[in-house]
Structures are given as C-alpha cells and as structure tokens.
N, C-alpha and C. Protein backbone atom coordinates (compact mmCIF):
# COMPACT_ATOMS: atom_id res chain seq x y z
N MET A 1 -38.68 -29.05 12.51
CA MET A 1 -39.45 -27.56 12.73
C MET A 1 -40.23 -27.47 13.25
N ASN A 2 -40.68 -26.43 14.26
CA ASN A 2 -41.61 -26.28 14.93
C ASN A 2 -42.43 -24.94 15.03
N ALA A 3 -43.43 -24.65 15.96
CA ALA A 3 -44.27 -23.56 15.82
C ALA A 3 -43.27 -22.52 16.31
N ASN A 4 -42.37 -22.52 16.91
CA ASN A 4 -41.13 -21.41 17.19
C ASN A 4 -40.26 -21.00 16.09
N SER A 5 -40.19 -21.74 15.16
CA SER A 5 -39.48 -21.50 14.00
C SER A 5 -39.98 -19.88 13.66
N THR A 6 -38.59 -19.80 12.96
CA THR A 6 -38.96 -18.19 12.17
C THR A 6 -39.74 -18.67 10.59
N ASP A 7 -39.72 -19.95 10.34
CA ASP A 7 -40.17 -20.27 8.92
C ASP A 7 -41.73 -20.21 8.98
N ALA A 8 -42.40 -19.04 8.74
CA ALA A 8 -43.96 -19.30 9.04
C ALA A 8 -44.49 -19.77 7.94
N GLY A 9 -43.72 -20.38 6.86
CA GLY A 9 -44.26 -21.33 5.68
C GLY A 9 -45.01 -22.37 6.35
N VAL A 10 -44.15 -23.29 7.38
CA VAL A 10 -44.70 -24.36 7.54
C VAL A 10 -45.78 -24.44 8.38
N LEU A 11 -46.59 -23.11 9.18
CA LEU A 11 -47.58 -22.82 9.81
C LEU A 11 -48.98 -22.59 8.55
N VAL A 12 -48.52 -22.55 7.36
CA VAL A 12 -49.69 -21.82 6.48
C VAL A 12 -50.04 -22.95 5.33
N GLY A 13 -51.20 -22.89 4.97
CA GLY A 13 -51.75 -23.65 3.82
C GLY A 13 -52.66 -22.79 3.22
N ILE A 14 -52.34 -22.84 1.66
CA ILE A 14 -53.19 -22.15 0.45
C ILE A 14 -54.06 -22.84 -0.01
N ARG A 15 -55.19 -22.65 -0.20
CA ARG A 15 -56.36 -23.31 -0.72
C ARG A 15 -57.08 -22.62 -1.55
N PRO A 16 -57.35 -22.86 -2.56
CA PRO A 16 -58.45 -22.00 -3.77
C PRO A 16 -59.65 -21.93 -2.88
N GLY A 17 -60.38 -20.72 -3.18
CA GLY A 17 -61.68 -20.50 -2.50
C GLY A 17 -62.49 -20.78 -3.97
N THR A 18 -63.06 -19.72 -4.57
CA THR A 18 -63.24 -19.36 -6.17
C THR A 18 -62.51 -19.29 -6.91
N VAL A 19 -62.45 -19.90 -8.25
CA VAL A 19 -61.74 -19.90 -9.40
C VAL A 19 -61.65 -18.49 -9.80
N PRO A 20 -60.63 -17.55 -10.42
CA PRO A 20 -60.93 -16.32 -11.38
C PRO A 20 -61.77 -16.69 -12.26
N ALA A 21 -62.93 -15.66 -12.49
CA ALA A 21 -63.60 -15.95 -13.46
C ALA A 21 -64.76 -14.52 -13.82
N ALA A 22 -64.81 -14.39 -15.08
CA ALA A 22 -65.88 -13.25 -15.28
C ALA A 22 -67.51 -13.89 -15.05
N VAL A 23 -67.97 -13.46 -14.01
CA VAL A 23 -69.23 -13.94 -13.66
C VAL A 23 -70.43 -12.88 -13.58
N GLY A 24 -71.38 -13.68 -13.91
CA GLY A 24 -72.79 -12.69 -13.95
C GLY A 24 -73.27 -12.75 -12.41
N ALA A 25 -74.41 -11.78 -12.44
CA ALA A 25 -75.25 -11.79 -11.05
C ALA A 25 -75.51 -13.39 -10.72
N GLY A 26 -75.11 -13.70 -9.36
CA GLY A 26 -75.52 -14.87 -8.90
C GLY A 26 -74.63 -15.50 -7.48
N THR A 27 -75.18 -16.67 -7.28
CA THR A 27 -74.22 -17.05 -6.23
C THR A 27 -73.40 -18.10 -6.77
N ARG A 28 -71.98 -18.49 -6.16
CA ARG A 28 -71.11 -19.79 -6.65
C ARG A 28 -70.82 -20.23 -5.28
N ASN A 29 -70.60 -21.47 -5.42
CA ASN A 29 -69.63 -22.17 -3.97
C ASN A 29 -67.93 -22.47 -4.56
N SER A 30 -67.40 -22.68 -3.63
CA SER A 30 -66.01 -23.22 -4.10
C SER A 30 -66.35 -24.75 -3.42
N ALA A 31 -65.47 -25.55 -3.55
CA ALA A 31 -65.34 -26.92 -3.37
C ALA A 31 -64.97 -26.83 -1.57
N ALA A 32 -65.76 -27.93 -1.09
CA ALA A 32 -65.18 -27.98 0.34
C ALA A 32 -63.83 -28.30 0.84
N VAL A 33 -63.39 -27.53 1.42
CA VAL A 33 -61.80 -27.47 2.05
C VAL A 33 -61.92 -28.23 3.88
N ASP A 34 -61.05 -29.26 3.72
CA ASP A 34 -60.71 -29.53 4.94
C ASP A 34 -59.95 -28.72 5.71
N ARG A 35 -60.57 -28.48 6.97
CA ARG A 35 -59.56 -27.47 7.76
C ARG A 35 -58.89 -27.78 8.81
N LEU A 36 -58.78 -29.56 8.94
CA LEU A 36 -58.24 -30.39 9.94
C LEU A 36 -56.66 -30.03 10.05
N GLY A 37 -56.29 -29.41 11.38
CA GLY A 37 -55.27 -29.29 11.42
C GLY A 37 -54.81 -27.41 11.57
N PHE A 38 -55.95 -26.91 10.92
CA PHE A 38 -55.89 -25.57 11.11
C PHE A 38 -56.77 -24.89 12.04
N ASP A 39 -56.39 -23.82 12.94
CA ASP A 39 -57.48 -23.07 13.73
C ASP A 39 -57.62 -21.72 13.39
N SER A 40 -57.37 -21.30 12.23
CA SER A 40 -57.42 -19.99 12.05
C SER A 40 -57.18 -19.64 10.28
N CYS A 41 -58.18 -18.86 9.78
CA CYS A 41 -57.55 -18.72 8.28
C CYS A 41 -57.87 -17.09 7.89
N VAL A 42 -57.71 -16.74 6.76
CA VAL A 42 -57.81 -15.44 6.28
C VAL A 42 -58.51 -15.73 4.79
N LEU A 43 -59.82 -15.19 4.68
CA LEU A 43 -60.66 -15.42 3.55
C LEU A 43 -60.45 -13.77 2.83
N ALA A 44 -59.72 -14.19 1.58
CA ALA A 44 -59.72 -12.94 0.72
C ALA A 44 -60.34 -12.98 -0.58
N ALA A 45 -60.90 -12.10 -0.62
CA ALA A 45 -61.98 -11.83 -2.26
C ALA A 45 -61.32 -10.79 -3.12
N SER A 46 -61.40 -10.79 -4.07
CA SER A 46 -60.90 -9.65 -5.13
C SER A 46 -62.03 -9.53 -6.39
N THR A 47 -61.96 -8.36 -6.86
CA THR A 47 -62.81 -8.51 -7.94
C THR A 47 -61.75 -7.80 -9.00
N GLY A 48 -62.08 -8.32 -10.41
CA GLY A 48 -61.53 -7.97 -11.67
C GLY A 48 -61.90 -6.71 -12.56
N ALA A 49 -61.90 -6.82 -13.63
CA ALA A 49 -62.74 -5.85 -14.52
C ALA A 49 -64.09 -6.20 -14.56
N ALA A 50 -64.99 -5.21 -14.79
CA ALA A 50 -66.44 -5.45 -15.39
C ALA A 50 -66.56 -5.25 -16.57
N THR A 51 -67.65 -5.91 -17.08
CA THR A 51 -67.55 -5.69 -18.84
C THR A 51 -69.21 -5.39 -18.73
N GLY A 52 -69.60 -5.20 -19.91
CA GLY A 52 -71.21 -4.72 -20.32
C GLY A 52 -71.28 -3.75 -19.45
N THR A 53 -70.87 -2.52 -18.98
CA THR A 53 -70.94 -1.30 -18.38
C THR A 53 -72.18 -1.22 -17.41
N PRO A 54 -72.02 -2.21 -16.20
CA PRO A 54 -73.02 -2.23 -15.18
C PRO A 54 -72.90 -0.86 -14.69
N SER A 55 -74.38 0.05 -14.17
CA SER A 55 -74.11 1.17 -13.36
C SER A 55 -74.22 0.55 -12.03
N GLY A 56 -74.13 -0.69 -11.40
CA GLY A 56 -73.87 -0.92 -9.97
C GLY A 56 -73.22 -2.29 -10.09
N MET A 57 -72.40 -2.45 -8.95
CA MET A 57 -71.72 -4.23 -8.89
C MET A 57 -71.42 -3.95 -7.24
N SER A 58 -71.25 -5.50 -7.00
CA SER A 58 -70.91 -5.69 -5.76
C SER A 58 -70.53 -7.26 -5.60
N LEU A 59 -69.63 -7.41 -4.96
CA LEU A 59 -69.11 -8.71 -4.63
C LEU A 59 -68.99 -9.14 -3.43
N ALA A 60 -69.81 -9.85 -2.65
CA ALA A 60 -70.18 -10.59 -1.08
C ALA A 60 -69.20 -11.94 -1.07
N ALA A 61 -68.65 -12.35 -0.05
CA ALA A 61 -68.08 -13.60 0.29
C ALA A 61 -68.38 -13.92 1.62
N LYS A 62 -68.34 -14.87 1.92
CA LYS A 62 -68.22 -15.57 2.95
C LYS A 62 -67.77 -16.93 3.18
N LEU A 63 -67.65 -17.58 4.43
CA LEU A 63 -67.33 -19.05 4.87
C LEU A 63 -68.84 -19.72 5.34
N GLN A 64 -68.73 -20.79 4.83
CA GLN A 64 -69.86 -21.69 5.32
C GLN A 64 -69.13 -22.82 6.19
N GLU A 65 -69.63 -23.62 6.70
CA GLU A 65 -69.27 -24.80 7.81
C GLU A 65 -70.06 -26.02 7.28
N SER A 66 -69.56 -27.22 7.41
CA SER A 66 -70.10 -28.36 7.03
C SER A 66 -69.46 -29.62 7.92
N ALA A 67 -70.26 -30.74 8.79
CA ALA A 67 -69.33 -31.34 9.51
C ALA A 67 -68.59 -32.45 8.43
N ASP A 68 -69.23 -32.83 7.03
CA ASP A 68 -68.98 -33.68 6.34
C ASP A 68 -68.57 -32.90 4.97
N GLY A 69 -68.69 -31.82 4.70
CA GLY A 69 -68.31 -31.63 3.51
C GLY A 69 -69.25 -31.70 2.19
N GLN A 70 -70.30 -32.56 2.39
CA GLN A 70 -71.38 -32.51 1.40
C GLN A 70 -72.47 -32.09 1.94
N GLY A 71 -73.23 -32.02 2.64
CA GLY A 71 -74.52 -31.08 3.02
C GLY A 71 -74.36 -30.24 4.46
N GLY A 72 -75.52 -30.17 4.64
CA GLY A 72 -75.69 -29.42 6.06
C GLY A 72 -74.83 -28.05 6.30
N TRP A 73 -74.39 -27.49 4.91
CA TRP A 73 -73.83 -26.27 5.08
C TRP A 73 -74.51 -24.80 5.80
N THR A 74 -73.64 -24.41 6.84
CA THR A 74 -74.22 -23.08 7.41
C THR A 74 -73.29 -22.15 7.49
N ASP A 75 -73.70 -20.72 7.56
CA ASP A 75 -72.81 -19.56 7.94
C ASP A 75 -71.72 -19.66 8.96
N LEU A 76 -70.79 -19.33 8.86
CA LEU A 76 -69.61 -19.53 9.86
C LEU A 76 -69.67 -17.82 10.68
N PRO A 77 -70.04 -17.71 11.74
CA PRO A 77 -70.02 -16.24 12.54
C PRO A 77 -68.85 -15.77 12.28
N GLY A 78 -68.67 -14.25 11.64
CA GLY A 78 -67.88 -13.55 12.02
C GLY A 78 -66.95 -13.86 10.76
N ALA A 79 -67.41 -14.75 9.75
CA ALA A 79 -66.72 -14.86 8.38
C ALA A 79 -67.12 -14.69 7.26
N SER A 80 -67.23 -13.12 7.14
CA SER A 80 -67.91 -12.45 5.87
C SER A 80 -66.96 -11.46 5.50
N ILE A 81 -66.56 -11.22 4.51
CA ILE A 81 -66.07 -9.68 3.91
C ILE A 81 -66.92 -8.55 3.89
N GLU A 82 -66.51 -7.78 3.92
CA GLU A 82 -67.34 -6.15 3.35
C GLU A 82 -67.53 -6.71 2.01
N SER A 83 -68.56 -6.08 1.47
CA SER A 83 -68.97 -5.89 0.06
C SER A 83 -67.80 -5.16 -0.92
N LEU A 84 -67.48 -5.65 -1.82
CA LEU A 84 -66.59 -4.91 -2.76
C LEU A 84 -67.50 -4.47 -3.66
N THR A 85 -67.10 -2.91 -4.03
CA THR A 85 -68.49 -1.92 -4.89
C THR A 85 -67.64 -1.70 -6.26
N ALA A 86 -66.46 -2.14 -6.61
CA ALA A 86 -65.82 -1.63 -7.36
C ALA A 86 -64.75 -2.34 -8.31
N PRO A 87 -64.74 -2.64 -9.29
CA PRO A 87 -63.53 -3.27 -9.94
C PRO A 87 -62.00 -3.00 -9.55
N ASN A 88 -61.23 -4.10 -9.44
CA ASN A 88 -60.09 -4.23 -8.83
C ASN A 88 -59.85 -3.98 -7.40
N GLY A 89 -60.91 -4.24 -6.66
CA GLY A 89 -60.89 -4.35 -5.17
C GLY A 89 -60.23 -5.88 -4.73
N VAL A 90 -60.05 -5.52 -3.46
CA VAL A 90 -59.59 -6.71 -2.38
C VAL A 90 -59.94 -6.23 -0.83
N ALA A 91 -60.61 -7.22 -0.42
CA ALA A 91 -61.25 -7.41 0.94
C ALA A 91 -61.00 -8.70 1.33
N ARG A 92 -60.50 -8.62 2.80
CA ARG A 92 -60.30 -9.73 3.73
C ARG A 92 -60.94 -9.61 4.79
N VAL A 93 -61.19 -10.88 5.42
CA VAL A 93 -61.45 -11.22 6.97
C VAL A 93 -60.63 -12.45 7.58
N ASN A 94 -60.43 -11.98 8.88
CA ASN A 94 -59.77 -13.00 9.74
C ASN A 94 -60.72 -13.84 10.43
N VAL A 95 -60.55 -15.21 10.13
CA VAL A 95 -61.73 -16.10 10.67
C VAL A 95 -60.76 -17.36 12.06
N ARG A 96 -61.37 -17.16 13.16
CA ARG A 96 -60.83 -18.28 13.92
C ARG A 96 -61.86 -19.39 13.70
N LEU A 97 -61.06 -20.61 13.66
CA LEU A 97 -61.66 -21.92 13.25
C LEU A 97 -61.82 -23.03 14.37
N SER A 98 -61.36 -22.70 15.51
CA SER A 98 -61.04 -23.38 16.29
C SER A 98 -62.59 -24.32 17.03
N THR A 99 -63.61 -23.56 16.85
CA THR A 99 -64.97 -24.27 17.25
C THR A 99 -65.41 -24.57 15.66
N ALA A 100 -64.74 -24.01 14.67
CA ALA A 100 -65.50 -24.41 13.18
C ALA A 100 -65.86 -26.35 13.15
N LYS A 101 -66.85 -26.42 12.12
CA LYS A 101 -66.73 -27.70 11.86
C LYS A 101 -65.59 -28.29 10.57
N ARG A 102 -65.56 -29.37 10.39
CA ARG A 102 -64.04 -29.91 9.91
C ARG A 102 -64.13 -29.05 8.40
N TYR A 103 -65.15 -29.21 7.65
CA TYR A 103 -64.90 -28.62 6.30
C TYR A 103 -65.70 -27.27 6.13
N VAL A 104 -65.01 -26.21 5.47
CA VAL A 104 -65.31 -25.04 5.17
C VAL A 104 -65.61 -24.69 3.77
N ARG A 105 -66.10 -23.80 3.07
CA ARG A 105 -66.40 -23.23 1.87
C ARG A 105 -66.56 -22.10 1.64
N VAL A 106 -66.47 -21.48 0.48
CA VAL A 106 -66.50 -19.68 0.21
C VAL A 106 -67.94 -19.93 -0.61
N VAL A 107 -68.74 -19.11 -0.20
CA VAL A 107 -70.03 -18.67 -0.96
C VAL A 107 -69.44 -17.20 -1.39
N GLU A 108 -69.60 -17.08 -2.62
CA GLU A 108 -69.81 -15.73 -3.17
C GLU A 108 -71.04 -15.29 -4.02
N ALA A 109 -71.01 -14.01 -3.58
CA ALA A 109 -72.30 -13.62 -4.40
C ALA A 109 -72.10 -11.91 -5.20
N VAL A 110 -72.36 -12.32 -6.27
CA VAL A 110 -72.52 -11.12 -7.24
C VAL A 110 -73.71 -10.55 -7.57
N THR A 111 -73.88 -9.24 -7.32
CA THR A 111 -74.69 -8.36 -7.94
C THR A 111 -74.31 -7.51 -8.83
N LEU A 112 -75.26 -7.25 -9.90
CA LEU A 112 -75.09 -6.16 -10.99
C LEU A 112 -76.37 -5.66 -11.56
N ALA A 113 -76.27 -4.19 -11.59
CA ALA A 113 -77.27 -3.46 -12.27
C ALA A 113 -77.07 -2.89 -13.31
N GLY A 114 -78.05 -2.92 -14.05
CA GLY A 114 -77.60 -1.99 -15.45
C GLY A 114 -76.78 -2.79 -16.47
N GLY A 115 -76.58 -2.16 -17.73
CA GLY A 115 -75.60 -2.55 -18.41
C GLY A 115 -76.19 -3.51 -19.36
N THR A 116 -75.43 -4.00 -20.41
CA THR A 116 -75.92 -5.13 -21.23
C THR A 116 -75.05 -6.45 -20.80
N SER A 117 -75.62 -7.24 -20.43
CA SER A 117 -74.94 -9.02 -20.05
C SER A 117 -73.94 -8.51 -19.27
N PRO A 118 -73.76 -7.60 -18.14
CA PRO A 118 -72.48 -7.48 -17.30
C PRO A 118 -72.13 -8.59 -16.52
N THR A 119 -70.87 -8.57 -16.49
CA THR A 119 -69.96 -9.74 -15.81
C THR A 119 -69.11 -8.78 -15.05
N LEU A 120 -68.57 -9.15 -13.86
CA LEU A 120 -67.42 -8.90 -13.04
C LEU A 120 -66.48 -9.93 -12.63
N GLY A 121 -65.35 -9.84 -12.93
CA GLY A 121 -64.08 -10.38 -12.50
C GLY A 121 -63.94 -10.83 -10.98
N ALA A 122 -64.34 -12.08 -10.70
CA ALA A 122 -64.02 -12.51 -9.19
C ALA A 122 -63.40 -13.42 -8.80
N SER A 123 -62.90 -13.72 -7.51
CA SER A 123 -62.05 -14.82 -7.11
C SER A 123 -61.93 -14.64 -5.60
N SER A 124 -61.69 -15.89 -5.02
CA SER A 124 -61.29 -16.02 -3.40
C SER A 124 -60.38 -16.90 -3.32
N LEU A 125 -59.67 -16.76 -2.01
CA LEU A 125 -58.28 -17.56 -1.86
C LEU A 125 -58.84 -17.79 -0.11
N LEU A 126 -58.31 -18.93 0.51
CA LEU A 126 -58.25 -19.18 1.95
C LEU A 126 -56.92 -19.51 2.26
N VAL A 127 -56.47 -18.47 2.86
CA VAL A 127 -54.66 -18.83 3.77
C VAL A 127 -55.42 -19.58 5.03
N LEU A 128 -54.72 -20.65 5.37
CA LEU A 128 -55.22 -21.47 6.26
C LEU A 128 -53.91 -21.38 7.39
N CYS A 129 -54.29 -21.47 8.55
CA CYS A 129 -53.05 -21.56 9.55
C CYS A 129 -53.05 -22.43 10.90
N GLY A 130 -52.17 -22.95 10.78
CA GLY A 130 -52.27 -23.94 11.84
C GLY A 130 -51.25 -23.66 13.03
N PRO A 131 -51.36 -24.40 14.30
CA PRO A 131 -50.79 -24.22 15.44
C PRO A 131 -49.58 -24.97 15.26
N ASP A 132 -49.27 -26.08 14.52
CA ASP A 132 -48.07 -26.75 14.51
C ASP A 132 -47.68 -26.97 13.00
N GLU A 133 -46.19 -27.59 12.60
CA GLU A 133 -46.13 -27.54 11.20
C GLU A 133 -47.08 -28.58 10.32
N ILE A 134 -47.23 -27.96 9.47
CA ILE A 134 -48.46 -28.64 8.52
C ILE A 134 -47.79 -29.75 7.42
N PRO A 135 -48.25 -30.53 7.33
CA PRO A 135 -47.85 -31.92 6.48
C PRO A 135 -47.98 -31.19 5.09
N ALA A 136 -47.04 -31.41 4.15
CA ALA A 136 -47.14 -31.57 2.66
C ALA A 136 -48.41 -32.42 2.32
N PRO A 137 -49.11 -31.05 1.49
CA PRO A 137 -50.51 -32.26 0.78
C PRO A 137 -50.07 -33.17 -0.01
C-alpha cells in the first residue's frame, strides 16, 4: 500500500505523550519520541476532573525537540496548544516536523490556584503522520 491509498491508517502512528494522571501544579515531560519517518503531527492535550476545589486552573502543553533524545531539548516553534482552563477540555495543534530534530517530547505545565491540595486530570497524545506507509512498531 502507498500514500495514494484510501487507508489513512498506514500513514499514521499514535504515540503516548503524558499518561493520564491527577497531577498537582508543576511541569512534567513525556518520554522521547523518535519522529523518524514522520513529517507532521497533531499534539492533543486534555483535562479531566479537578479535585481540591481550586479557584483557578490551567494546562499548557508544547513540543520540544532534541537531536539525540537525551538532552539539549529546545522548544519547537509553533508547537504549543492554547491553555486549557476548565475540567474536561481538549485542545490540539497541528505541527510540521520536516525541519525538526529527530526526537520530540511533550512538556506539560499545570497551574492551580486556591483549594486544598488541588489536582487536575491531565494527559497528552501525539498523532504522527508520514508521507509513506509506516512500518509496524
């Protein structure tokens, strides 16, 4: 099958970003994702329930890039979602990867105000797309 096929599934790879979790205020990073063979992606982030009755909350997510997946991480231009400010929200951004370094990761930042030990359900996902059929992992 080739890129002219009507089966889009052969062009797409799904990779986890951050795992779904109830998280407190702060930042967490996903594992490095090898984007070799993919020239674009969608970064999607979502919020779940909030606990501890915070008076304010937000989830921001962005992609960073690295040549070796170990260090030297820098923000990938144009690869951040609009902050989510309510429970049970979803946001996404389309990202061109043709000039990105080989590895990407998701950086997620949760901000919480007020409440008693507040947490926010948060997660992210990468949907990678290649110009040609993607081999099975």
